Every structure is written in C-alpha cells, then in structure tokens.
Protein backbone atom coordinates (compact mmCIF):
# COMPACT_ATOMS: atom_id res chain seq x y z
CA UNK A 1 218.34 258.34 128.80
CA UNK A 2 221.69 256.99 129.90
CA UNK A 3 221.44 256.52 133.66
CA UNK A 4 222.54 260.04 134.65
CA UNK A 5 219.14 261.24 135.87
CA UNK A 6 217.92 261.67 139.43
CA UNK A 7 215.29 259.49 141.07
CA UNK A 8 211.90 261.09 140.28
CA UNK A 9 209.19 261.79 142.83
CA UNK A 10 205.61 260.89 142.05
CA UNK A 11 202.19 261.86 143.36
CA UNK A 12 199.94 258.90 144.18
CA UNK A 13 196.22 259.48 144.68
CA UNK A 14 195.16 257.23 147.56
CA UNK A 15 191.42 257.96 147.91
CA UNK A 16 188.78 260.71 147.88
CA UNK A 17 186.05 261.42 150.43
CA UNK A 18 184.10 264.21 152.11
CA UNK A 19 186.15 263.57 155.25
CA UNK A 20 189.66 262.12 155.65
CA UNK A 21 191.13 260.80 158.90
CA UNK A 22 194.90 260.56 159.19
CA UNK A 23 197.62 260.08 161.80
CA UNK A 24 201.06 261.66 161.55
CA UNK A 25 203.71 259.49 163.18
CA UNK A 26 206.53 261.95 163.80
CA UNK A 27 206.73 265.68 163.12
CA UNK A 28 205.32 266.98 159.84
CA UNK A 29 205.59 270.55 158.59
CA UNK A 30 202.66 272.40 156.99
CA UNK A 31 204.42 273.74 153.90
CA UNK A 32 202.31 276.91 153.67
CA UNK A 33 202.37 278.03 157.32
CA UNK A 34 205.45 276.29 158.72
CA UNK A 35 203.24 274.86 161.50
CA UNK A 36 204.44 271.60 163.08
CA UNK A 37 201.88 268.80 163.16
CA UNK A 38 201.79 265.32 164.65
CA UNK A 39 199.25 262.84 165.99
CA UNK A 40 195.72 262.02 164.86
CA UNK A 41 193.78 264.50 162.69
CA UNK A 42 190.56 264.76 160.75
CA UNK A 43 190.14 266.81 157.57
CA UNK A 44 186.79 268.24 156.46
CA UNK A 45 185.52 271.03 154.19
CA UNK A 46 184.03 274.35 155.29
CA UNK A 47 183.39 277.42 153.12
CA UNK A 48 185.52 275.99 150.29
CA UNK A 49 188.55 275.59 152.56
CA UNK A 50 190.20 272.60 154.21
CA UNK A 51 189.67 272.31 157.97
CA UNK A 52 191.84 269.94 160.02
CA UNK A 53 191.27 269.17 163.68
CA UNK A 54 192.81 266.90 166.30
CA UNK A 55 189.92 267.38 168.71
CA UNK A 56 191.70 270.12 170.63
CA UNK A 57 192.95 272.53 168.01
CA UNK A 58 191.59 273.37 164.60
CA UNK A 59 193.26 274.93 161.56
CA UNK A 60 191.95 276.18 158.24
CA UNK A 61 194.07 275.87 155.09
CA UNK A 62 193.85 276.60 151.40
CA UNK A 63 194.07 273.77 148.88
CA UNK A 64 196.39 271.98 148.55
CA UNK A 65 197.49 271.35 152.12
CA UNK A 66 201.01 269.86 152.02
CA UNK A 67 202.46 268.15 155.09
CA UNK A 68 206.13 267.22 154.78
CA UNK A 69 207.99 264.96 157.25
CA UNK A 70 210.82 266.70 159.08
CA UNK A 71 212.74 263.42 159.09
CA UNK A 72 211.61 261.17 156.20
CA UNK A 73 213.74 258.26 157.41
CA UNK A 74 211.70 257.73 160.60
CA UNK A 75 208.35 259.47 160.05
CA UNK A 76 205.27 257.84 158.58
CA UNK A 77 201.60 258.65 158.13
CA UNK A 78 198.42 256.59 158.42
CA UNK A 79 195.33 257.09 156.26
CA UNK A 80 192.24 255.60 157.86
CA UNK A 81 189.47 253.73 156.03
CA UNK A 82 191.11 253.43 152.60
CA UNK A 83 189.02 251.41 150.13
CA UNK A 84 191.02 248.80 148.19
CA UNK A 85 189.92 246.60 145.27
CA UNK A 86 187.41 249.21 144.13
CA UNK A 87 184.49 247.54 142.24
CA UNK A 88 186.23 244.15 142.38
CA UNK A 89 184.98 241.16 144.37
CA UNK A 90 187.62 241.68 147.10
CA UNK A 91 186.70 245.33 147.81
CA UNK A 92 187.20 246.31 151.47
CA UNK A 93 188.45 249.12 153.72
CA UNK A 94 191.67 249.20 155.70
CA UNK A 95 194.04 251.62 157.43
CA UNK A 96 197.25 252.11 155.46
CA UNK A 97 200.69 253.39 156.47
CA UNK A 98 202.88 255.46 154.12
CA UNK A 99 206.30 257.06 153.90
CA UNK A 100 206.81 260.45 152.26
CA UNK A 101 204.61 263.55 152.30
CA UNK A 102 200.84 263.95 152.51
CA UNK A 103 198.91 266.33 150.28
CA UNK A 104 195.20 266.96 150.84
CA UNK A 105 193.50 268.47 147.83
CA UNK A 106 190.05 270.09 147.77
CA UNK A 107 188.09 269.86 144.55
CA UNK A 108 184.32 270.06 144.00
CA UNK A 109 183.62 269.83 147.76
CA UNK A 110 185.58 266.58 148.03
CA UNK A 111 188.97 265.89 149.58
CA UNK A 112 191.66 263.74 147.99
CA UNK A 113 194.60 262.27 149.92
CA UNK A 114 197.79 262.20 147.84
CA UNK A 115 201.08 260.59 148.87
CA UNK A 116 204.23 262.18 147.45
CA UNK A 117 207.08 259.68 147.42
CA UNK A 118 210.18 258.72 145.41
CA UNK A 119 209.74 256.18 142.60
CA UNK A 120 212.03 253.62 144.24
CA UNK A 121 210.28 253.82 147.64
CA UNK A 122 206.96 253.58 145.81
CA UNK A 123 208.14 250.40 144.08
CA UNK A 124 209.02 248.67 147.35
CA UNK A 125 205.37 249.03 148.32
CA UNK A 126 203.99 248.14 144.87
CA UNK A 127 205.95 244.90 144.72
CA UNK A 128 204.66 243.91 148.15
CA UNK A 129 201.09 245.00 147.29
CA UNK A 130 200.80 243.51 143.81
CA UNK A 131 202.55 240.31 144.78
CA UNK A 132 203.66 238.96 148.14
CA UNK A 133 206.90 239.72 149.95
CA UNK A 134 207.66 235.98 150.04
CA UNK A 135 207.74 235.61 146.24
CA UNK A 136 210.88 234.32 144.53
CA UNK A 137 213.67 236.85 144.10
CA UNK A 138 213.67 236.60 140.30
CA UNK A 139 209.91 237.21 140.15
CA UNK A 140 210.28 240.23 142.44
CA UNK A 141 213.05 241.64 140.25
CA UNK A 142 210.98 241.06 137.12
CA UNK A 143 208.04 242.85 138.73
CA UNK A 144 210.23 245.72 139.92
CA UNK A 145 211.43 246.39 136.37
CA UNK A 146 207.92 245.94 134.97
CA UNK A 147 206.28 248.29 137.49
CA UNK A 148 209.05 250.88 137.17
CA UNK A 149 208.87 250.85 133.38
CA UNK A 150 205.08 251.14 133.36
CA UNK A 151 205.16 254.06 135.79
CA UNK A 152 207.85 256.04 133.95
CA UNK A 153 206.13 255.37 130.62
CA UNK A 154 202.92 256.83 132.06
CA UNK A 155 204.76 259.95 133.28
CA UNK A 156 206.27 260.41 129.83
CA UNK A 157 202.86 259.88 128.24
CA UNK A 158 201.32 262.53 130.50
CA UNK A 159 203.96 265.04 129.44
CA UNK A 160 203.33 264.18 125.79
CA UNK A 161 199.57 264.63 126.12
CA UNK A 162 199.96 267.94 127.94
CA UNK A 163 202.36 269.30 125.34
CA UNK A 164 200.16 268.57 122.35
CA UNK A 165 200.73 264.89 121.80
CA UNK A 166 198.15 262.83 119.93
CA UNK A 167 194.98 262.28 121.95
CA UNK A 168 192.45 259.49 121.54
CA UNK A 169 188.78 259.48 122.35
CA UNK A 170 188.32 256.55 124.74
CA UNK A 171 184.54 256.51 124.30
CA UNK A 172 182.48 256.28 121.12
CA UNK A 173 178.76 255.67 120.90
CA UNK A 174 176.28 255.23 118.07
CA UNK A 175 172.78 253.78 117.82
CA UNK A 176 174.32 250.35 117.25
CA UNK A 177 177.58 250.35 119.19
CA UNK A 178 179.28 251.46 122.43
CA UNK A 179 183.07 251.21 122.50
CA UNK A 180 184.97 252.27 125.62
CA UNK A 181 188.33 251.61 127.14
CA UNK A 182 189.69 252.50 130.56
CA UNK A 183 193.18 253.86 131.15
CA UNK A 184 194.83 256.30 133.53
CA UNK A 185 194.40 259.58 131.63
CA UNK A 186 191.45 260.49 133.85
CA UNK A 187 193.86 261.29 136.71
CA UNK A 188 194.33 265.05 136.42
CA UNK A 189 195.40 265.88 139.99
CA UNK A 190 198.07 263.22 140.55
CA UNK A 191 200.28 260.88 138.54
CA UNK A 192 198.73 257.51 139.38
CA UNK A 193 196.11 256.10 141.73
CA UNK A 194 196.80 253.50 144.42
CA UNK A 195 194.38 250.80 143.31
CA UNK A 196 194.14 248.17 140.55
CA UNK A 197 193.16 250.86 138.02
CA UNK A 198 196.88 251.77 137.97
CA UNK A 199 199.07 249.71 140.32
CA UNK A 200 198.27 248.47 143.79
CA UNK A 201 200.09 250.75 146.18
CA UNK A 202 199.32 250.26 149.85
CA UNK A 203 202.27 252.05 151.42
CA UNK A 204 204.16 250.02 153.98
CA UNK A 205 200.91 248.36 155.12
CA UNK A 206 201.92 245.23 153.22
CA UNK A 207 204.98 244.23 155.18
CA UNK A 208 207.86 244.10 152.74
CA UNK A 209 210.89 241.95 153.41
CA UNK A 210 214.65 242.23 152.86
CA UNK A 211 214.28 240.29 149.60
CA UNK A 212 211.77 242.89 148.28
CA UNK A 213 214.11 245.75 149.13
CA UNK A 214 216.98 243.78 147.59
CA UNK A 215 215.01 243.16 144.38
CA UNK A 216 214.22 246.87 143.99
CA UNK A 217 217.75 247.99 144.88
CA UNK A 218 219.45 245.48 142.58
CA UNK A 219 217.32 246.69 139.66
CA UNK A 220 217.53 250.34 140.78
CA UNK A 221 216.63 252.60 137.84
CA UNK A 222 216.39 249.66 135.40
CA UNK A 223 213.66 249.76 132.77
CA UNK A 224 212.70 248.13 129.49
CA UNK A 225 213.22 250.27 126.38
CA UNK A 226 212.10 250.03 122.78
CA UNK A 227 213.03 252.45 120.00
CA UNK A 228 214.36 255.03 122.46
CA UNK A 229 211.27 255.08 124.71
CA UNK A 230 210.42 253.43 128.01
CA UNK A 231 208.12 250.46 127.39
CA UNK A 232 204.50 250.61 128.52
CA UNK A 233 204.85 247.34 130.43
CA UNK A 234 201.34 246.18 131.36
CA UNK A 235 200.64 243.19 133.60
CA UNK A 236 197.73 241.19 135.08
CA UNK A 237 197.07 237.93 136.93
CA UNK A 238 196.75 235.14 134.33
CA UNK A 239 196.78 235.20 130.51
CA UNK A 240 195.02 231.85 130.08
CA UNK A 241 197.75 230.54 127.78
CA UNK A 242 198.29 233.33 125.19
CA UNK A 243 198.83 237.05 125.72
CA UNK A 244 196.88 239.91 124.14
CA UNK A 245 197.78 242.94 122.00
CA UNK A 246 197.76 246.42 123.54
CA UNK A 247 195.64 247.93 120.77
CA UNK A 248 192.84 245.42 121.34
CA UNK A 249 192.45 246.63 124.93
CA UNK A 250 193.36 250.34 124.94
CA UNK A 251 194.01 253.04 122.36
CA UNK A 252 194.88 252.08 118.76
CA UNK A 253 198.66 252.14 119.20
CA UNK A 254 200.88 249.22 118.20
CA UNK A 255 203.67 248.38 120.66
CA UNK A 256 205.90 245.78 118.96
CA UNK A 257 207.19 244.51 122.33
CA UNK A 258 203.61 243.61 123.36
CA UNK A 259 202.95 240.65 121.10
CA UNK A 260 200.52 237.76 121.32
CA UNK A 261 202.80 234.99 122.64
CA UNK A 262 202.05 231.50 123.90
CA UNK A 263 202.88 231.22 127.59
CA UNK A 264 205.04 228.13 127.29
CA UNK A 265 208.50 227.20 125.95
CA UNK A 266 206.86 225.45 122.98
CA UNK A 267 203.55 225.88 121.19
CA UNK A 268 201.04 223.45 122.77
CA UNK A 269 200.17 220.50 120.55
CA UNK A 270 196.64 219.77 119.41
CA UNK A 271 195.41 223.37 119.32
CA UNK A 272 195.07 226.05 116.69
CA UNK A 273 196.66 229.10 118.29
CA UNK A 274 195.09 231.77 116.06
CA UNK A 275 192.40 232.56 118.60
CA UNK A 276 190.88 235.31 116.47
CA UNK A 277 189.15 232.35 114.77
CA UNK A 278 186.06 231.35 116.76
CA UNK A 279 186.56 227.59 116.32
CA UNK A 280 190.14 227.79 117.60
CA UNK A 281 189.11 230.04 120.50
CA UNK A 282 186.41 227.60 121.61
CA UNK A 283 188.72 224.59 121.50
CA UNK A 284 191.43 226.53 123.36
CA UNK A 285 189.13 227.84 126.10
CA UNK A 286 187.45 224.47 126.62
CA UNK A 287 190.81 222.68 126.50
CA UNK A 288 193.72 222.40 128.89
CA UNK A 289 196.84 223.55 127.00
CA UNK A 290 200.27 223.50 128.61
CA UNK A 291 201.28 226.97 129.85
CA UNK A 292 203.41 228.49 132.59
CA UNK A 293 200.24 229.95 134.12
CA UNK A 294 198.38 226.62 133.95
CA UNK A 295 199.22 225.67 137.52
CA UNK A 296 197.59 224.67 140.76
CA UNK A 297 200.88 224.70 142.68
CA UNK A 298 199.60 225.98 146.02
CA UNK A 299 203.11 226.55 147.32
CA UNK A 300 203.88 229.01 144.53
CA UNK A 301 200.41 230.59 144.53
CA UNK A 302 200.50 231.12 148.30
CA UNK A 303 203.87 232.89 147.96
CA UNK A 304 202.77 235.08 145.08
CA UNK A 305 199.20 236.05 145.99
CA UNK A 306 198.00 238.25 148.81
CA UNK A 307 195.30 236.72 151.00
CA UNK A 308 192.35 238.33 149.20
CA UNK A 309 193.65 237.12 145.82
CA UNK A 310 193.70 233.55 147.14
CA UNK A 311 189.93 233.83 147.56
CA UNK A 312 189.85 233.08 143.83
CA UNK A 313 191.63 229.88 142.73
CA UNK A 314 190.31 229.38 139.19
CA UNK A 315 192.89 231.51 137.40
CA UNK A 316 193.41 229.49 134.25
CA UNK A 317 189.89 228.27 133.40
CA UNK A 318 186.58 229.36 134.92
CA UNK A 319 182.82 229.07 134.52
CA UNK A 320 179.89 231.40 135.26
CA UNK A 321 176.21 230.49 134.85
CA UNK A 322 173.31 232.95 134.63
CA UNK A 323 169.63 232.25 134.21
CA UNK A 324 168.09 234.29 131.40
CA UNK A 325 166.30 236.50 133.93
CA UNK A 326 169.49 237.00 135.96
CA UNK A 327 171.50 237.95 132.88
CA UNK A 328 168.84 240.33 131.58
CA UNK A 329 168.60 242.08 134.96
CA UNK A 330 172.38 242.20 135.40
CA UNK A 331 173.08 243.71 131.97
CA UNK A 332 170.33 246.30 132.46
CA UNK A 333 171.76 247.26 135.87
CA UNK A 334 175.40 247.39 134.75
CA UNK A 335 174.95 249.18 131.40
CA UNK A 336 171.92 251.33 132.20
CA UNK A 337 170.34 250.03 128.97
CA UNK A 338 167.11 248.04 128.85
CA UNK A 339 167.71 245.26 126.33
CA UNK A 340 164.55 243.50 127.44
CA UNK A 341 165.06 239.75 127.71
CA UNK A 342 168.57 238.79 126.62
CA UNK A 343 168.33 236.31 123.75
CA UNK A 344 171.99 235.95 122.74
CA UNK A 345 175.59 237.00 123.47
CA UNK A 346 177.57 236.83 120.23
CA UNK A 347 181.36 237.36 120.00
CA UNK A 348 182.07 239.49 116.93
CA UNK A 349 185.79 240.10 117.29
CA UNK A 350 188.52 238.38 119.30
CA UNK A 351 192.13 239.30 119.93
CA UNK A 352 195.24 237.12 119.90
CA UNK A 353 194.50 235.70 123.35
CA UNK A 354 190.88 234.89 122.49
CA UNK A 355 189.66 237.87 124.50
CA UNK A 356 186.52 239.41 123.01
CA UNK A 357 186.89 243.05 122.00
CA UNK A 358 183.44 243.33 120.38
CA UNK A 359 180.40 241.53 121.84
CA UNK A 360 176.88 241.68 120.40
CA UNK A 361 174.11 241.69 123.01
CA UNK A 362 170.76 240.77 121.48
CA UNK A 363 167.59 241.39 123.47
CA UNK A 364 163.84 241.42 122.94
CA UNK A 365 163.78 245.24 123.03
CA UNK A 366 167.07 246.14 121.39
CA UNK A 367 170.47 244.87 120.31
CA UNK A 368 173.84 246.55 120.69
CA UNK A 369 177.55 245.86 120.20
CA UNK A 370 179.82 246.71 123.17
CA UNK A 371 183.60 246.79 123.67
CA UNK A 372 186.44 246.88 124.55
CA UNK A 373 187.41 244.08 126.91
CA UNK A 374 186.87 245.78 130.28
CA UNK A 375 183.52 247.24 129.21
CA UNK A 376 182.45 243.69 128.36
CA UNK A 377 183.69 242.38 131.72
CA UNK A 378 181.94 245.16 133.64
CA UNK A 379 178.66 244.58 131.79
CA UNK A 380 178.50 240.85 132.55
CA UNK A 381 179.33 240.79 136.25
CA UNK A 382 178.47 242.53 139.53
CA UNK A 383 182.14 243.54 139.72
CA UNK A 384 184.37 242.46 136.82
CA UNK A 385 184.21 239.21 134.91
CA UNK A 386 187.59 237.46 135.23
CA UNK A 387 188.37 238.19 131.59
CA UNK A 388 186.68 238.72 128.24
CA UNK A 389 188.17 235.45 126.97
CA UNK A 390 185.08 233.25 127.07
CA UNK A 391 182.62 231.25 124.99
CA UNK A 392 178.86 231.36 125.49
CA UNK A 393 176.44 228.44 125.45
CA UNK A 394 172.68 229.02 125.63
CA UNK A 395 171.11 226.05 127.36
CA UNK A 396 167.40 225.17 127.70
CA UNK A 397 166.36 222.34 130.01
CA UNK A 398 162.68 222.79 129.19
CA UNK A 399 162.00 224.77 132.34
CA UNK A 400 164.59 227.54 132.22
CA UNK A 401 167.00 229.10 129.75
CA UNK A 402 170.49 229.71 131.06
CA UNK A 403 173.68 231.21 129.66
CA UNK A 404 176.91 229.40 130.48
CA UNK A 405 180.13 231.42 130.15
CA UNK A 406 183.28 229.30 130.11
CA UNK A 407 186.42 231.38 130.16
CA UNK A 408 190.18 231.59 130.38
CA UNK A 409 192.54 233.83 132.32
CA UNK A 410 192.17 236.68 134.78
CA UNK A 411 192.77 240.24 133.61
CA UNK A 412 193.36 241.99 130.31
CA UNK A 413 196.14 239.68 129.13
CA UNK A 414 198.55 242.36 127.85
CA UNK A 415 202.22 242.03 128.84
CA UNK A 416 203.44 240.14 131.90
CA UNK A 417 201.35 237.27 133.22
CA UNK A 418 201.96 237.28 136.99
CA UNK A 419 201.09 233.61 137.55
CA UNK A 420 203.17 232.59 134.54
CA UNK A 421 206.08 234.74 135.68
CA UNK A 422 205.85 233.20 139.15
CA UNK A 423 206.11 229.71 137.71
CA UNK A 424 209.03 230.75 135.51
CA UNK A 425 210.83 232.03 138.60
CA UNK A 426 210.10 228.75 140.38
CA UNK A 427 211.51 226.83 137.41
CA UNK A 428 214.82 228.72 137.59
CA UNK A 429 214.41 231.39 134.91
CA UNK A 430 216.19 234.69 135.64
CA UNK A 431 214.25 237.93 135.85
CA UNK A 432 215.66 238.99 132.48
CA UNK A 433 214.56 235.66 130.97
CA UNK A 434 211.07 236.26 132.34
CA UNK A 435 210.87 239.81 130.98
CA UNK A 436 212.29 238.81 127.58
CA UNK A 437 209.59 236.13 127.34
CA UNK A 438 206.70 238.55 127.89
CA UNK A 439 208.17 241.72 126.32
CA UNK A 440 209.75 240.55 123.08
CA UNK A 441 212.62 242.59 121.61
CA UNK A 442 212.69 245.08 124.52
CA UNK A 443 216.12 246.21 125.75
CA UNK A 444 217.31 246.68 129.35
CA UNK A 445 218.63 250.11 130.34
CA UNK A 446 219.44 252.07 133.51
CA UNK A 447 217.79 255.50 133.61
CA UNK A 448 219.43 256.45 136.90
CA UNK A 449 221.68 254.96 139.56
CA UNK A 450 221.44 254.85 143.36
CA UNK A 451 222.84 257.84 145.27
CA UNK A 452 226.47 257.30 146.30
CA UNK A 453 225.54 257.03 150.00
CA UNK A 454 223.02 254.28 149.18
CA UNK A 455 225.67 252.31 147.29
CA UNK A 456 228.06 252.58 150.26
CA UNK A 457 225.42 251.29 152.66
CA UNK A 458 224.59 248.19 150.65
C-alpha cells in the first residue's frame, strides 16, 4: 500500500423498516430499467418485490433497487424517519440528507436503505456526525485519520473473513457463564452501518464546515499502519484516565498499537495504575486523577459534542443508584434471565482501564458470570451503562437495600479518547501528536492521493 490506489466506495446501511420514505433531490437513474426518478417516493413490499410510489405513479422492482444520481455534484437524497442513537439514551428519529446513490434491499419482508458513497465523502459526514463541525482543526484531522483507518481496516477484515481468514465465535454460553462481544461482522448486506454500532454517519444532515472539508482533504488517504496492515483504530467518548486493550473488549487478538496508556503527559501521582488489581481500580475510580479527558471546559465540550451528547455532562466520573428491587427487575428484563433477588455484583476480571470484562451476578434463584464489557453495560441499564469501569457498593439503611455503582469514562475505552483528544487539540498538540499518544508505535502512510483535478481546485 503505497498511495497509488483509487478512492474506494463503500456501502453504508442507514436503516431497515417495512416501509421507507425518501425524496430524490435532482434526477436519479434506476440502474435496472434506466427510468428517471425525482421527487418524493415511498417504498413498500408486495409479493416479494419492491414497490415504489410517488402518489401518482407506481413501479415494481426486483431487489436490490439501485438509484444513481445523474449529476452527483448537485443531487442529494433524503431518507425520512431515520432512527439515530439506537438503544442509547439519546435515541430519536430525524430526516437525513445524503450524497451518492441509494440502494433499497429487500430481505425477509423488510427493506433496508443503503447509501453508496466514496470513502472521503463519507468521512466528511462522519467527522461532523461523531464530533462537531466547530471542533479544532487538529482534532478534526486526528478524527479523519482515525475514522478512515478504522473503516479501511474493517473492509480488509471482511475480505479476510470471506476468503477463509480465522473466525471467532462472539458468543459462548455454559450453565455458569455467558460471554458475548459486539462487533460489525453481523453486517452481511453492506460494509458498515450508520449508527454508533459502527460510526455515526448522518449524511450532510450535520452541517459540515470548510474546516471539516479541509481536515479531510489535508489528510486525504492517510491512515495509521502497523506491521504492513491498516490499524483497527477504535474510539469512544471518554477513557476515564487510562485506555483499554482490544482483546478485553472484542475478539482475542492482540494489537500492539492499542495499549493501556494513561491519558496524561505524566503518570498521575498517588495512584496505582495497574487497574486489573481491585484495590487500585477502586482508588482510581473514586479518585480524581489528572488526565486530558478530566475536563469540564464547556467551551471545548460545546465545540466537540453534538447537542444530544451534551445532554450528558458526567463523562469522567459518574454514579448510578438502584434499589435492590429495581436492579433485580432491570437485570431480569435486560438479560431474559430470572436471577431472583439480586444479592451481589462481583467484579471477577478487570482490564487495563479498570473496565470489568467478567462480572458475577449473584441472585436468590441463580448466579451467573457475564461479559464482555458491552454485555455488562447492556445488562445493568435501560440503554447502555456509560462504561463497565465501575465499583459496586451494597448499602442498607435499615429500610431498603440499594446498589451504588460509581464509575469512570464513557464507552469501551479502546484507542482514541475523543474528549482527551479534544483537550490535546486545545492545548496545541498536532493531530499526529494526538494519534501517536493513543496509538503507540503506529506509522502514518498514504494509501491513495486526491485526483489531479481535486488538487488543482484546492
């Protein structure tokens, strides 16, 4: 990979439903029939075929139905009622505008809207969706390289899996243990989804700015590499002070560039930083160590975070309290397992960041160990617990037993800490400094360059 390749196109799964409403701004061509389409349409299913109607005319098509813009530079498309933040506390619906082509796929009586777009155009949206278009230029560049590297690593991984590469079972269950992790291999009909499961991609709905376009163009084709492969550059909101290892969160693969690092120029004083030790983890989580992501700088946070992310301000340290009855009911609802009355939550194994990868749930009817980190977070919250980096205190005031969870960080903790990276950008670090901090020993490389006409226009 030496920078001689062409810019790849990707297929992004936006959402699935029994019915999909969309508006074509400009002329689009039905690839199969050559029919020209524009305006507002509705897609439904009839007799195992796709039916689209604009209220006047109706057409039937086989799956997939591909609609390609006749002039990609001016045309756009709107998908109506797209759900964002699926299963998270900010979940909501909105209309979203996209560049590129629209594919509607029929599978098992359900329609899926897929946007086909170039990687670099996709990144302009991702940077504005994951962060905010008003973020610092160095943060935007760092995120552009991170998001591009992650995406291309996933495409390479898909090819490897489809051509006989090593596969891992992401779910194991016994009488005493349930271990599950969540990654993107469940996307069979497109490359990545548009929500937090992969990367937030909301088309051009999130108004980008010249600085976003500049950040993507100035890092055009640039990725992080390690040992001849594109790095699997994960990211999340806030590490809580120390980052996590990939293998503690996903499949058992060691990525040397994803180390457990303290999120500060120097190791904080007064703390043991081996958070796999329960005593150290408790002191760390209940403490207030210095870290890039330990900030309440509203100016920086308001630049970095989209409005719905600002609904949550306790990024670095947080607290959740459940009565015993509430916890017992919640765990039963979220896991589908009747533990009876929950008596204890016991961390059995922690990673480098203090995040729990094995948690023992003890109840009056049964006890069980669960993992990995996201399974734990999903089991202990109506949506997702901020992170699995927490300590548990069982308190009894004589009238009621309650469980107090005090935690650190937001997200899985592997790779780039977005709040930490934002503060590094504010403090004057370059985007390469930021990336070298979070992805140790990774090298910078161009996989492809802008087309000659793009270079002339800049």
